[in-house]
Amino acid sequence: MVASPFPKLRNFPNAAVGIALGLGGQTLLWKSLSKWPPLADVADIAKAIQWVFWVACVTTLAAFLIAFAAKMFFHWDVVRKEAYHPVRVNFFLGPVIALCMLSMGLPPSLGPQEEFLQAMWTIAFFYQCSATLVIYHRWLYVLSASVTASAPYLLSIVTWFLLCAMGGPAGIDQACGMPLRAMCFGVGTFFAVLIYPLILLGIHAGQTEAGSPALFLMLAPLSVAGNGIIGLSGGVTPSSQALFGAVLFMFFFLVRSAPKICARPAVLGIYWAYVFPVAAMAMLSISIASGQKSAVSEGIAAALSIVAIIAFLMVMARMTAHMVNVCREKDTWTDPVVMAMDKAKAEAAAAAATQGASAMEEGSQSQEPAKTQADKPTDKSPVSGTVVEADKPTDKSPVSGTVVEAGELVRRLGELETIVVELRARDASRTACEDTSPASFAVA
């Protein structure tokens, strides 16, 4: 492994992509607000704000990809551990989610976008298929999703619904001659039905702590699915209205669970889980209000949009405060995965040192009888009073030579045992780094 010129890069988590997702959610929200008839008078302001968020999202995603590429080069062991972690592996889908958001949030002033959207949709589709084939295989055959399921699992679900929603403006069905939008919606629905109950049961089992920002990810798939149904049906339907009701109730339920935004962030990007899902819920409310065209529905949509904007401002302020403390060296950015790896390596090294010391002590004790016999004083014959040559500890004596050879053999056996202990310690360290048990790490 190449020595890194940036040691802190080791603590840069793949969960940091959540910052780009939060900015992408705000981009889509302001695009929806710019097209909402009640805000026609301030549509230009909404479009300008959308531009700001779109550029910020592009910049943040590019910075994340560059930093993570450097981490892959200098700290491949940590990246590999994230890839095998039952929860953190889901954040590898973050870049494709951000790509879908940026494509759907393209400012209209950029001109015709259909061909570009088709290209981005194709890239996102194949990335999603490749990644989820691996992830879903682990759910069913390797890790037992009933034990490890937590809210970040939904990142692999929401992308299917984003592909469904993005496929409309991209004209992907007409371009491919296949109902790909409906097919993506079907795949997302199937696995959402599988994983949502396990996540809810996992809250009680302690897989996701009450009040955790990750729980707000439960709002995202249902909200995006509601907009996907509106796109497939050509308008608001009872199905999309039913999903909005479920999302709204779940939002109040999560608020009742007391979000812990004031606590120290466990990992970079964790609090941005409050931003994108709430923005997606506000977008669905705007779509419902556009179909209902009633004062009540428009009031609810306006209120939820304000809540989404406030959530962004609170998360931005909280991250800024923590960044200030980090710059003043009063705090640090940590990563539970890295902390667990370092702990496992320290324990393995301590065990190796203890075993090595025990082996050396046993080797020294086994050499004591040999030394005693080699240093034995000359024996005199009780009959003649002369020294018996056979018992004289000279190098030429076969008995003495045998004792010396035995001592050398014991010493070499001790060295060999020390080498074996070191090899076992390395194997234990490697095994600890490959452990994917959810109990071995803090859930991001």
Foldseek 3Di string as FASTA:
>chain_A
DDADPDVQLLQAALLLLLVLLLLLLLLVLLVLVLPFVVCVVCSVVSLVVSVVSLVVSVVSLVVSVVSVVSCCVNPVLLVVLLCLALQSVLSVLSSLSSLLSSLVSPRPVVDDRQVVLLVSLVVSVVVLVVSVVVNVCCCVPNPPCLAQAALSVCSSLQSLLSSLLSCLSNVNCVVVVHNSSVVSLVVSVVVCVVRVVSHVVVCVVPNDDQQFLSLLSVLRNLLSNLSSVCSVVVAHDVSSVVSLVVSVVVVVVSVVSPHDLVDDDQANSRLSSQANSLSSSLSSLSRVCVRVVDPVSVVVSVVSSVVNVVSVVSNVVSVVVVVVCVVVVNDGGGHQLVVLLVVQLVVLVVQLVVQLVVLVVVLVVVLVVLVCQLPPDFDADPVPRDTDVQSDNDPPRPVNVVSVVVNVVSVVVSVVSSVVSVVVSVVSSVVSSSDNDSVSTRND
